[in-house]
Amino acid sequence: MLTNLLAIGPELVLTLTVVLVLIADLVIGDRPARRGSLAVLSFAGLAAAAATFFLLPDGGPAAFGGLVSGDGLGVFFRGLFLVAAFFGVAFGALSDEIPVERFGEYAAMLLATTLGMSFLVQSQNLLMILLSLELVSLPSYVLAGFRRGDSRSSEAALKYVLYGAAASGLMLYGFSLLYGMAGTLDLSAIGPALNAKAAGGSVGIRAGIALAALLSLAGFGYKVAAVPFHQWCPDVYEGAPTPVTAFLSVGPKAAGVAALIRFVVIGFGASVATPPAGGLPWPVLLGVLAMATMTLGNLAAIPQDNVKRLLAYSSIAHAGYLLMGIAVGTPDAVQAVAVYLPIYLLMNLGAFLAVMAVRAKTGSETIADYRGLVARSPALSIALAIFLFSLTGLPPLAGFIGKFYLFAAVVKAGTPFFYVLAIVGVLNSVVSLFYYARLVKAMFLEASPDGAPAVLVPVPVGLLLAILAIPTLVLGLWWSPLADLAARAAGIVG
């Protein structure tokens, strides 16, 4: 029992932190230091959760009868989620979009979402995956509709709930079919069981396996905002408070990607190097999904005038890039995904923080508000340009290294289909430069509108921008420590 509890030590600390934040919110009441006190308590809980990683059992054994895994993939992403939660709490504490009197609710919901994400990336059981996914989704719905009385926020939450409910229903039906055919909920046992079923050559069995896999994919596709499960993403990102949008764009997406890796690579043994269980062409299926996702995301971002909506479509496109690595499924490809996600966290959070700073002064989120921003806030403009060019994948920024690892893994697959996939990925990166450059052009080459306010960046916001921008620059020149950590995470398929 002690070994089981130690294996989920970070999650136990997060659970305790959620309870303490709620209690402290009631005790503190309306005192002036309410927001700061709750933020400090949240940070302390996250730091304590991070410290418990040193108590994790050696070797990463599965816990609770194999329900959760303590392998390298889980440890890597659990640490990443704590970082995302830190920035999520910090953004909320600095934003006027999160009322002081409701900051406790915001912090508790964000930490609860982080708890669900941590369980999701460790789940080795279909039922555990479903429960963890719901623990991620339910607090996310609350966060998306956090601005009471705001029609856009209410619409965002409603669409998020409806799409989430439909995706969960499809996934549950797919899991039930898998259980019926494989006779087990354990991911590691599903592949051999399906191979034994499909060995008889029955068309009905093969069709059932394909249907179950596709239905299950709906839930993962919804969480990472992959086409055609992406429809909720632009409206939710635009309508939710900016700190919530920033967190949702990196945390749940990374959790969905990690869970999909487990489902496809561990459950079905799918990669270009091995035949997938049940004869399903997972590499081709996910490769086509990746091409559709990145292409739609980039093309739809071009005409957008709302910056948050533009970044939402950009987020969809980046889901497509990540799906390329999952499609390949080799250790190198999993490492590439693990390299890319922390870099994506840095540059995407940085972009949303800059948007939050501009919105705080202008009250708007349109590209027109960024005209001549370099004259009104030079440091903010330079930082945002760094994040945007890194999202594009231009050297010598970190985004280039992330995409290089992904494209290298795809090319290394060595088949004509994956050569085409790599070419589509490169072309999409070129397309993305157009709409990112629109924003940079507005900041540096256009004149400020008459009466445009100066955008003075508060010291805490400037510090967070620096914390995000400096690694975005440094990792473009020295990335070997991150690559080593990502290689350990990829050990699950080695």
Protein backbone atom coordinates (compact mmCIF):
# COMPACT_ATOMS: atom_id res chain seq x y z
CA MET A 1 0.00 0.00 0.00
CA LEU A 2 2.81 2.42 0.87
CA THR A 3 4.42 1.82 -2.52
CA ASN A 4 1.11 2.55 -4.23
CA LEU A 5 0.68 5.80 -2.30
CA LEU A 6 4.24 6.91 -3.00
CA ALA A 7 3.69 6.25 -6.70
CA ILE A 8 0.93 8.86 -6.76
CA GLY A 9 2.59 11.19 -4.26
CA PRO A 10 2.37 14.29 -6.51
CA GLU A 11 -1.33 13.65 -7.07
CA LEU A 12 -2.01 13.26 -3.35
CA VAL A 13 -0.29 16.59 -2.70
CA LEU A 14 -2.32 18.24 -5.47
CA THR A 15 -5.53 16.86 -3.96
CA LEU A 16 -4.59 18.25 -0.55
CA THR A 17 -3.74 21.60 -2.14
CA VAL A 18 -7.15 21.84 -3.79
CA VAL A 19 -8.83 21.22 -0.42
CA LEU A 20 -6.60 23.74 1.36
CA VAL A 21 -7.22 26.42 -1.29
CA LEU A 22 -10.99 26.02 -0.92
CA ILE A 23 -10.80 26.16 2.87
CA ALA A 24 -8.44 29.15 2.81
CA ASP A 25 -10.75 30.93 0.39
CA LEU A 26 -13.56 30.68 2.94
CA VAL A 27 -11.38 31.63 5.91
CA ILE A 28 -9.63 34.62 4.33
CA GLY A 29 -12.87 36.15 3.09
CA ASP A 30 -12.69 39.62 1.58
CA ARG A 31 -9.36 40.68 3.04
CA PRO A 32 -7.07 42.75 0.76
CA ALA A 33 -4.42 40.01 0.62
CA ARG A 34 -6.89 37.37 -0.54
CA ARG A 35 -5.58 36.87 -4.08
CA GLY A 36 -1.92 36.94 -3.06
CA SER A 37 -2.40 34.54 -0.16
CA LEU A 38 -4.26 32.01 -2.28
CA ALA A 39 -1.69 32.29 -5.07
CA VAL A 40 1.16 31.67 -2.60
CA LEU A 41 -0.69 28.65 -1.17
CA SER A 42 -1.19 27.28 -4.69
CA PHE A 43 2.49 27.80 -5.54
CA ALA A 44 3.50 26.07 -2.31
CA GLY A 45 1.29 23.11 -3.16
CA LEU A 46 2.78 22.84 -6.64
CA ALA A 47 6.31 23.04 -5.21
CA ALA A 48 5.49 20.32 -2.69
CA ALA A 49 4.05 18.16 -5.47
CA ALA A 50 7.26 18.64 -7.45
CA ALA A 51 9.35 17.71 -4.40
CA THR A 52 7.54 14.37 -4.08
CA PHE A 53 9.05 13.26 -7.39
CA PHE A 54 12.18 12.48 -5.37
CA LEU A 55 10.13 10.00 -3.33
CA LEU A 56 8.83 8.05 -6.32
CA PRO A 57 9.80 4.35 -6.25
CA ASP A 58 12.84 3.44 -8.34
CA GLY A 59 12.14 1.80 -11.66
CA GLY A 60 8.68 3.24 -12.05
CA PRO A 61 6.59 0.13 -11.23
CA ALA A 62 2.89 0.14 -12.01
CA ALA A 63 0.69 0.90 -9.03
CA PHE A 64 -2.79 -0.09 -7.87
CA GLY A 65 -2.82 -3.36 -9.76
CA GLY A 66 -1.53 -1.83 -12.99
CA LEU A 67 -4.04 1.04 -13.19
CA VAL A 68 -1.31 3.70 -13.27
CA SER A 69 2.27 3.60 -14.47
CA GLY A 70 5.28 5.36 -13.00
CA ASP A 71 7.36 5.10 -16.17
CA GLY A 72 9.44 7.84 -17.76
CA LEU A 73 6.62 9.14 -19.92
CA GLY A 74 4.39 9.71 -16.90
CA VAL A 75 7.08 11.38 -14.81
CA PHE A 76 8.10 13.70 -17.66
CA PHE A 77 4.59 14.91 -18.38
CA ARG A 78 3.56 15.18 -14.73
CA GLY A 79 6.44 17.58 -14.22
CA LEU A 80 5.40 19.51 -17.32
CA PHE A 81 1.86 19.86 -15.98
CA LEU A 82 3.11 21.33 -12.71
CA VAL A 83 4.96 23.98 -14.71
CA ALA A 84 1.82 24.72 -16.74
CA ALA A 85 -0.22 24.99 -13.53
CA PHE A 86 2.33 27.40 -12.03
CA PHE A 87 1.95 29.75 -14.97
CA GLY A 88 -1.81 29.27 -15.00
CA VAL A 89 -2.08 30.39 -11.37
CA ALA A 90 0.35 33.27 -11.96
CA PHE A 91 -1.56 34.48 -15.02
CA GLY A 92 -4.83 34.39 -13.09
CA ALA A 93 -3.32 36.32 -10.19
CA LEU A 94 -2.15 39.08 -12.56
CA SER A 95 -5.25 39.29 -14.77
CA ASP A 96 -8.23 41.60 -14.30
CA GLU A 97 -10.34 38.93 -16.04
CA ILE A 98 -10.29 36.81 -12.86
CA PRO A 99 -12.19 38.67 -10.10
CA VAL A 100 -10.41 38.86 -6.76
CA GLU A 101 -13.38 37.40 -4.91
CA ARG A 102 -13.40 34.34 -7.19
CA PHE A 103 -9.68 33.69 -7.44
CA GLY A 104 -9.95 30.80 -4.97
CA GLU A 105 -12.44 29.05 -7.26
CA TYR A 106 -10.18 29.67 -10.24
CA ALA A 107 -7.09 28.25 -8.51
CA ALA A 108 -8.98 25.21 -7.21
CA MET A 109 -10.44 24.38 -10.62
CA LEU A 110 -7.07 24.81 -12.33
CA LEU A 111 -5.33 22.57 -9.79
CA ALA A 112 -8.13 19.98 -10.12
CA THR A 113 -7.62 19.98 -13.88
CA THR A 114 -3.90 19.46 -13.32
CA LEU A 115 -4.70 16.52 -11.05
CA GLY A 116 -6.77 14.92 -13.80
CA MET A 117 -4.02 15.50 -16.34
CA SER A 118 -1.48 13.83 -14.05
CA PHE A 119 -3.63 10.72 -13.70
CA LEU A 120 -4.41 10.67 -17.43
CA VAL A 121 -0.79 10.42 -18.55
CA GLN A 122 -0.19 7.50 -16.18
CA SER A 123 -3.35 5.55 -17.01
CA GLN A 124 -2.78 2.03 -18.28
CA ASN A 125 -6.39 0.95 -18.02
CA LEU A 126 -9.27 1.97 -20.29
CA LEU A 127 -11.56 2.80 -17.39
CA MET A 128 -8.82 4.83 -15.71
CA ILE A 129 -8.29 6.76 -18.94
CA LEU A 130 -11.98 7.62 -19.15
CA LEU A 131 -12.25 8.70 -15.50
CA SER A 132 -9.07 10.80 -15.74
CA LEU A 133 -10.28 12.43 -18.92
CA GLU A 134 -13.51 13.44 -17.19
CA LEU A 135 -11.52 14.83 -14.25
CA VAL A 136 -9.68 16.99 -16.78
CA SER A 137 -12.80 18.03 -18.63
CA LEU A 138 -15.27 18.95 -15.87
CA PRO A 139 -13.14 21.66 -14.20
CA SER A 140 -12.16 22.88 -17.67
CA TYR A 141 -15.83 23.50 -18.49
CA VAL A 142 -16.14 25.62 -15.34
CA LEU A 143 -13.00 27.59 -16.21
CA ALA A 144 -14.17 28.23 -19.78
CA GLY A 145 -17.39 29.83 -18.50
CA PHE A 146 -15.72 31.62 -15.61
CA ARG A 147 -16.88 35.12 -16.59
CA ARG A 148 -20.45 35.24 -15.34
CA GLY A 149 -22.75 37.46 -17.34
CA ASP A 150 -20.44 37.42 -20.36
CA SER A 151 -22.30 35.93 -23.32
CA ARG A 152 -19.10 34.88 -25.10
CA SER A 153 -17.84 33.03 -22.03
CA SER A 154 -21.20 31.31 -21.51
CA GLU A 155 -21.29 30.28 -25.17
CA ALA A 156 -17.73 28.95 -24.90
CA ALA A 157 -18.60 26.83 -21.87
CA LEU A 158 -21.78 25.47 -23.48
CA LYS A 159 -19.98 24.45 -26.67
CA TYR A 160 -17.17 22.92 -24.66
CA VAL A 161 -19.65 20.84 -22.62
CA LEU A 162 -21.64 19.68 -25.64
CA TYR A 163 -18.61 18.64 -27.67
CA GLY A 164 -17.00 17.09 -24.61
CA ALA A 165 -20.10 15.05 -23.79
CA ALA A 166 -20.39 13.79 -27.36
CA ALA A 167 -16.70 12.87 -27.53
CA SER A 168 -16.83 11.10 -24.16
CA GLY A 169 -19.86 9.12 -25.26
CA LEU A 170 -18.15 7.98 -28.43
CA MET A 171 -15.00 7.09 -26.53
CA LEU A 172 -16.94 5.11 -23.92
CA TYR A 173 -18.69 3.13 -26.65
CA GLY A 174 -15.36 2.44 -28.34
CA PHE A 175 -13.82 1.29 -25.06
CA SER A 176 -16.78 -0.99 -24.40
CA LEU A 177 -16.28 -2.62 -27.81
CA LEU A 178 -12.57 -3.06 -27.11
CA TYR A 179 -13.36 -4.66 -23.77
CA GLY A 180 -15.91 -6.95 -25.37
CA MET A 181 -13.43 -8.19 -27.97
CA ALA A 182 -10.22 -8.19 -25.91
CA GLY A 183 -11.75 -9.27 -22.59
CA THR A 184 -9.49 -6.88 -20.68
CA LEU A 185 -9.23 -3.21 -19.79
CA ASP A 186 -5.44 -3.33 -19.43
CA LEU A 187 -3.71 -1.46 -22.27
CA SER A 188 -0.70 -3.77 -22.38
CA ALA A 189 -2.95 -6.83 -22.78
CA ILE A 190 -5.30 -5.41 -25.40
CA GLY A 191 -2.90 -5.78 -28.33
CA PRO A 192 -2.16 -9.51 -27.91
CA ALA A 193 -5.86 -10.23 -27.31
CA LEU A 194 -6.91 -8.37 -30.46
CA ASN A 195 -4.22 -10.13 -32.50
CA ALA A 196 -5.57 -13.48 -31.34
CA LYS A 197 -9.11 -12.43 -32.29
CA ALA A 198 -8.05 -11.10 -35.71
CA ALA A 199 -5.92 -14.18 -36.48
CA GLY A 200 -9.03 -16.06 -37.54
CA GLY A 201 -9.49 -13.64 -40.40
CA SER A 202 -13.12 -12.86 -39.60
CA VAL A 203 -14.25 -9.73 -41.42
CA GLY A 204 -16.70 -8.95 -38.63
CA ILE A 205 -13.97 -9.02 -35.97
CA ARG A 206 -11.67 -6.80 -38.02
CA ALA A 207 -14.51 -4.36 -38.66
CA GLY A 208 -15.34 -4.32 -34.95
CA ILE A 209 -11.72 -3.58 -34.02
CA ALA A 210 -11.60 -0.75 -36.55
CA LEU A 211 -14.88 0.74 -35.31
CA ALA A 212 -13.77 0.52 -31.66
CA ALA A 213 -10.46 2.18 -32.42
CA LEU A 214 -12.05 5.02 -34.39
CA LEU A 215 -14.66 5.70 -31.72
CA SER A 216 -11.97 5.70 -29.04
CA LEU A 217 -9.93 8.10 -31.13
CA ALA A 218 -12.78 10.62 -30.96
CA GLY A 219 -12.15 11.27 -27.27
CA PHE A 220 -8.43 11.80 -27.74
CA GLY A 221 -9.01 13.90 -30.85
CA TYR A 222 -11.39 16.17 -28.93
CA LYS A 223 -8.86 16.71 -26.14
CA VAL A 224 -6.02 17.68 -28.51
CA ALA A 225 -8.37 19.62 -30.85
CA ALA A 226 -7.61 17.49 -33.90
CA VAL A 227 -9.77 17.66 -37.04
CA PRO A 228 -12.70 16.88 -37.16
CA PHE A 229 -13.05 17.20 -33.37
CA HIS A 230 -11.74 20.77 -33.27
CA GLN A 231 -14.93 22.82 -33.65
CA TRP A 232 -15.09 23.81 -29.98
CA CYS A 233 -11.55 25.17 -29.86
CA PRO A 234 -11.76 28.64 -31.52
CA ASP A 235 -14.94 29.66 -29.70
CA VAL A 236 -13.73 28.40 -26.32
CA TYR A 237 -10.32 30.06 -26.65
CA GLU A 238 -11.92 33.36 -27.66
CA GLY A 239 -14.66 33.35 -25.04
CA ALA A 240 -12.75 32.07 -22.01
CA PRO A 241 -10.66 34.43 -19.84
CA THR A 242 -7.16 34.77 -21.29
CA PRO A 243 -5.42 32.99 -18.36
CA VAL A 244 -7.80 30.05 -18.85
CA THR A 245 -7.20 30.03 -22.60
CA ALA A 246 -3.45 30.01 -22.06
CA PHE A 247 -3.66 27.06 -19.68
CA LEU A 248 -6.10 25.06 -21.82
CA SER A 249 -3.90 25.56 -24.87
CA VAL A 250 -0.95 23.73 -23.31
CA GLY A 251 -2.02 21.58 -20.33
CA PRO A 252 -4.97 19.45 -21.48
CA LYS A 253 -3.52 19.31 -24.99
CA ALA A 254 -0.25 17.83 -23.71
CA ALA A 255 -2.19 15.38 -21.53
CA GLY A 256 -4.26 14.26 -24.51
CA VAL A 257 -1.14 13.77 -26.62
CA ALA A 258 0.57 11.67 -23.93
CA ALA A 259 -2.56 9.57 -23.39
CA LEU A 260 -2.89 9.00 -27.14
CA ILE A 261 0.72 7.80 -27.24
CA ARG A 262 -0.10 5.23 -24.57
CA PHE A 263 -3.30 4.14 -26.28
CA VAL A 264 -1.81 3.76 -29.76
CA VAL A 265 1.77 2.71 -29.05
CA ILE A 266 1.23 0.63 -25.88
CA GLY A 267 -2.32 -0.59 -26.51
CA PHE A 268 -2.05 -1.36 -30.21
CA GLY A 269 1.73 -1.54 -30.59
CA ALA A 270 1.37 0.85 -33.50
CA SER A 271 4.45 2.26 -35.21
CA VAL A 272 6.10 2.19 -38.62
CA ALA A 273 8.47 -0.45 -37.24
CA THR A 274 5.89 -3.01 -36.06
CA PRO A 275 2.52 -4.25 -37.36
CA PRO A 276 -0.29 -2.79 -35.19
CA ALA A 277 -2.63 -5.06 -33.28
CA GLY A 278 -5.73 -6.08 -35.18
CA GLY A 279 -4.19 -5.05 -38.50
CA LEU A 280 -5.26 -1.40 -38.18
CA PRO A 281 -3.13 1.01 -40.27
CA TRP A 282 -2.58 3.41 -37.36
CA PRO A 283 0.46 5.17 -38.90
CA VAL A 284 -1.45 6.06 -42.06
CA LEU A 285 -4.64 6.95 -40.20
CA LEU A 286 -2.88 9.30 -37.79
CA GLY A 287 -0.71 10.67 -40.59
CA VAL A 288 -3.78 11.65 -42.62
CA LEU A 289 -5.33 13.13 -39.46
CA ALA A 290 -2.13 15.12 -38.88
CA MET A 291 -2.16 16.54 -42.42
CA ALA A 292 -5.82 17.53 -42.18
CA THR A 293 -5.38 19.09 -38.74
CA MET A 294 -2.33 21.21 -39.49
CA THR A 295 -3.68 22.33 -42.86
CA LEU A 296 -7.09 23.38 -41.57
CA GLY A 297 -5.58 25.09 -38.53
CA ASN A 298 -3.12 27.15 -40.55
CA LEU A 299 -5.49 28.08 -43.37
CA ALA A 300 -8.29 29.04 -40.98
CA ALA A 301 -5.91 31.24 -38.96
CA ILE A 302 -5.09 33.46 -41.95
CA PRO A 303 -8.29 35.60 -42.02
CA GLN A 304 -8.65 35.93 -38.24
CA ASP A 305 -8.63 39.44 -36.73
CA ASN A 306 -9.06 38.39 -33.10
CA VAL A 307 -5.63 37.42 -31.75
CA LYS A 308 -6.95 34.79 -29.32
CA ARG A 309 -8.93 33.18 -32.12
CA LEU A 310 -5.85 33.29 -34.35
CA LEU A 311 -3.83 31.53 -31.65
CA ALA A 312 -6.65 29.00 -31.27
CA TYR A 313 -6.33 27.95 -34.89
CA SER A 314 -2.57 28.00 -34.47
CA SER A 315 -3.03 25.59 -31.56
CA ILE A 316 -5.03 23.27 -33.83
CA ALA A 317 -2.19 23.36 -36.35
CA HIS A 318 0.35 22.46 -33.66
CA ALA A 319 -1.80 19.49 -32.70
CA GLY A 320 -1.28 18.35 -36.28
CA TYR A 321 2.50 18.60 -35.93
CA LEU A 322 2.36 16.53 -32.74
CA LEU A 323 0.18 13.90 -34.42
CA MET A 324 2.98 13.38 -36.95
CA GLY A 325 5.20 12.04 -34.19
CA ILE A 326 2.47 9.79 -32.80
CA ALA A 327 1.83 8.45 -36.31
CA VAL A 328 5.43 7.32 -36.60
CA GLY A 329 5.33 5.77 -33.12
CA THR A 330 9.03 4.90 -32.85
CA PRO A 331 11.17 5.83 -29.81
CA ASP A 332 12.72 8.66 -31.84
CA ALA A 333 9.27 10.00 -32.68
CA VAL A 334 8.06 9.81 -29.08
CA GLN A 335 11.22 11.64 -28.03
CA ALA A 336 10.49 14.30 -30.65
CA VAL A 337 6.98 14.81 -29.24
CA ALA A 338 8.43 15.06 -25.73
CA VAL A 339 10.96 17.66 -26.93
CA TYR A 340 8.32 19.69 -28.73
CA LEU A 341 5.71 19.96 -25.98
CA PRO A 342 7.81 21.84 -23.36
CA ILE A 343 8.95 24.22 -26.09
CA TYR A 344 5.35 24.69 -27.20
CA LEU A 345 4.40 25.41 -23.59
CA LEU A 346 6.98 28.20 -23.36
CA MET A 347 6.18 29.96 -26.61
CA ASN A 348 2.42 29.58 -26.47
CA LEU A 349 2.12 30.72 -22.85
CA GLY A 350 4.38 33.65 -23.70
CA ALA A 351 2.18 34.67 -26.61
CA PHE A 352 -0.97 34.54 -24.48
CA LEU A 353 0.71 36.49 -21.67
CA ALA A 354 1.52 39.25 -24.14
CA VAL A 355 -2.09 39.20 -25.35
CA MET A 356 -3.24 39.45 -21.74
CA ALA A 357 -0.99 42.47 -21.16
CA VAL A 358 -2.29 44.29 -24.25
CA ARG A 359 -5.90 43.48 -23.42
CA ALA A 360 -5.47 44.87 -19.90
CA LYS A 361 -4.69 48.31 -21.38
CA THR A 362 -6.87 48.35 -24.51
CA GLY A 363 -9.82 46.17 -23.48
CA SER A 364 -9.69 44.49 -26.87
CA GLU A 365 -8.00 41.55 -28.59
CA THR A 366 -7.97 42.55 -32.26
CA ILE A 367 -4.88 42.87 -34.43
CA ALA A 368 -5.68 46.57 -34.88
CA ASP A 369 -4.80 47.10 -31.19
CA TYR A 370 -1.25 45.97 -31.92
CA ARG A 371 -0.52 48.63 -34.54
CA GLY A 372 2.55 50.58 -33.55
CA LEU A 373 2.88 48.63 -30.31
CA VAL A 374 6.68 48.82 -30.51
CA ALA A 375 6.48 52.58 -29.88
CA ARG A 376 4.17 52.10 -26.91
CA SER A 377 5.82 49.02 -25.39
CA PRO A 378 9.14 48.02 -27.03
CA ALA A 379 9.99 45.16 -24.65
CA LEU A 380 6.55 43.59 -24.94
CA SER A 381 6.66 43.83 -28.74
CA ILE A 382 10.08 42.17 -28.92
CA ALA A 383 9.01 39.38 -26.57
CA LEU A 384 5.83 38.70 -28.54
CA ALA A 385 7.81 38.65 -31.80
CA ILE A 386 10.15 36.04 -30.28
CA PHE A 387 7.23 33.82 -29.32
CA LEU A 388 5.51 34.18 -32.70
CA PHE A 389 8.63 33.45 -34.73
CA SER A 390 9.35 30.47 -32.47
CA LEU A 391 5.83 29.17 -33.08
CA THR A 392 6.58 29.44 -36.79
CA GLY A 393 9.74 27.37 -36.32
CA LEU A 394 12.36 29.88 -37.39
CA PRO A 395 15.99 29.42 -36.26
CA PRO A 396 17.70 30.07 -33.91
CA LEU A 397 14.61 29.86 -31.69
CA ALA A 398 13.42 26.84 -29.72
CA GLY A 399 10.45 26.22 -32.02
CA PHE A 400 12.88 25.37 -34.82
CA ILE A 401 14.50 22.65 -32.70
CA GLY A 402 11.12 21.20 -31.78
CA LYS A 403 9.99 21.00 -35.39
CA PHE A 404 13.38 19.71 -36.50
CA TYR A 405 13.07 16.74 -34.15
CA LEU A 406 9.53 16.04 -35.36
CA PHE A 407 10.31 16.30 -39.07
CA ALA A 408 13.51 14.26 -38.65
CA ALA A 409 11.55 11.46 -36.99
CA VAL A 410 8.97 11.52 -39.79
CA VAL A 411 11.61 11.44 -42.54
CA LYS A 412 13.47 8.67 -40.71
CA ALA A 413 10.36 6.49 -41.09
CA GLY A 414 11.63 6.02 -44.64
CA THR A 415 8.40 5.45 -46.58
CA PRO A 416 6.88 7.56 -49.38
CA PHE A 417 3.81 8.33 -47.27
CA PHE A 418 5.89 9.82 -44.47
CA TYR A 419 8.02 11.78 -46.94
CA VAL A 420 4.77 13.35 -48.13
CA LEU A 421 3.73 13.97 -44.51
CA ALA A 422 7.02 15.75 -43.82
CA ILE A 423 6.62 17.93 -46.92
CA VAL A 424 3.06 18.86 -45.89
CA GLY A 425 4.38 19.76 -42.43
CA VAL A 426 7.08 22.02 -43.85
CA LEU A 427 4.63 23.74 -46.21
CA ASN A 428 2.24 24.33 -43.33
CA SER A 429 5.04 25.93 -41.33
CA VAL A 430 5.60 28.30 -44.23
CA VAL A 431 1.89 29.15 -44.29
CA SER A 432 1.93 29.84 -40.56
CA LEU A 433 4.62 32.48 -41.08
CA PHE A 434 2.09 34.56 -43.00
CA TYR A 435 -0.41 35.04 -40.20
CA TYR A 436 2.20 35.33 -37.45
CA ALA A 437 3.98 37.94 -39.57
CA ARG A 438 0.72 39.91 -39.85
CA LEU A 439 0.86 40.53 -36.14
CA VAL A 440 4.58 41.35 -36.19
CA LYS A 441 4.00 43.73 -39.10
CA ALA A 442 1.26 45.51 -37.17
CA MET A 443 3.53 45.95 -34.16
CA PHE A 444 6.68 47.11 -35.92
CA LEU A 445 5.74 48.57 -39.31
CA GLU A 446 2.38 50.27 -38.78
CA ALA A 447 1.56 53.50 -36.97
CA SER A 448 -0.38 53.53 -33.73
CA PRO A 449 -4.04 54.61 -33.98
CA ASP A 450 -4.82 58.09 -32.68
CA GLY A 451 -5.32 58.04 -28.95
CA ALA A 452 -3.89 54.52 -28.53
CA PRO A 453 -2.85 54.06 -24.88
CA ALA A 454 0.68 53.29 -23.80
CA VAL A 455 1.03 49.67 -22.75
CA LEU A 456 3.06 49.74 -19.56
CA VAL A 457 3.93 46.21 -18.53
CA PRO A 458 3.74 45.62 -14.75
CA VAL A 459 6.92 44.25 -13.20
CA PRO A 460 5.45 40.76 -12.41
CA VAL A 461 4.18 40.42 -15.99
CA GLY A 462 7.55 41.54 -17.35
CA LEU A 463 9.30 38.99 -15.14
CA LEU A 464 7.07 36.18 -16.39
CA LEU A 465 7.66 37.28 -19.98
CA ALA A 466 11.40 37.08 -19.39
CA ILE A 467 11.08 33.65 -17.73
CA LEU A 468 9.29 32.40 -20.85
CA ALA A 469 11.29 34.28 -23.50
CA ILE A 470 14.81 33.46 -22.27
CA PRO A 471 14.39 29.65 -22.50
CA THR A 472 12.70 30.12 -25.88
CA LEU A 473 15.96 31.71 -27.04
CA VAL A 474 18.36 29.46 -25.13
CA LEU A 475 16.76 26.16 -26.17
CA GLY A 476 17.24 27.15 -29.79
CA LEU A 477 21.00 27.07 -29.20
CA TRP A 478 21.43 24.51 -26.40
CA TRP A 479 18.76 21.86 -26.20
CA SER A 480 20.66 18.71 -25.21
CA PRO A 481 19.37 18.59 -21.57
CA LEU A 482 15.78 18.71 -22.81
CA ALA A 483 16.54 16.08 -25.45
CA ASP A 484 18.02 13.80 -22.76
CA LEU A 485 14.91 14.16 -20.57
CA ALA A 486 12.71 13.47 -23.58
CA ALA A 487 14.74 10.35 -24.40
CA ARG A 488 14.02 8.98 -20.92
CA ALA A 489 10.33 9.65 -21.48
CA ALA A 490 10.49 7.75 -24.78
CA GLY A 491 11.90 4.70 -23.02
CA ILE A 492 8.42 3.19 -22.81
CA VAL A 493 8.69 2.14 -26.44
CA GLY A 494 12.39 1.35 -26.49
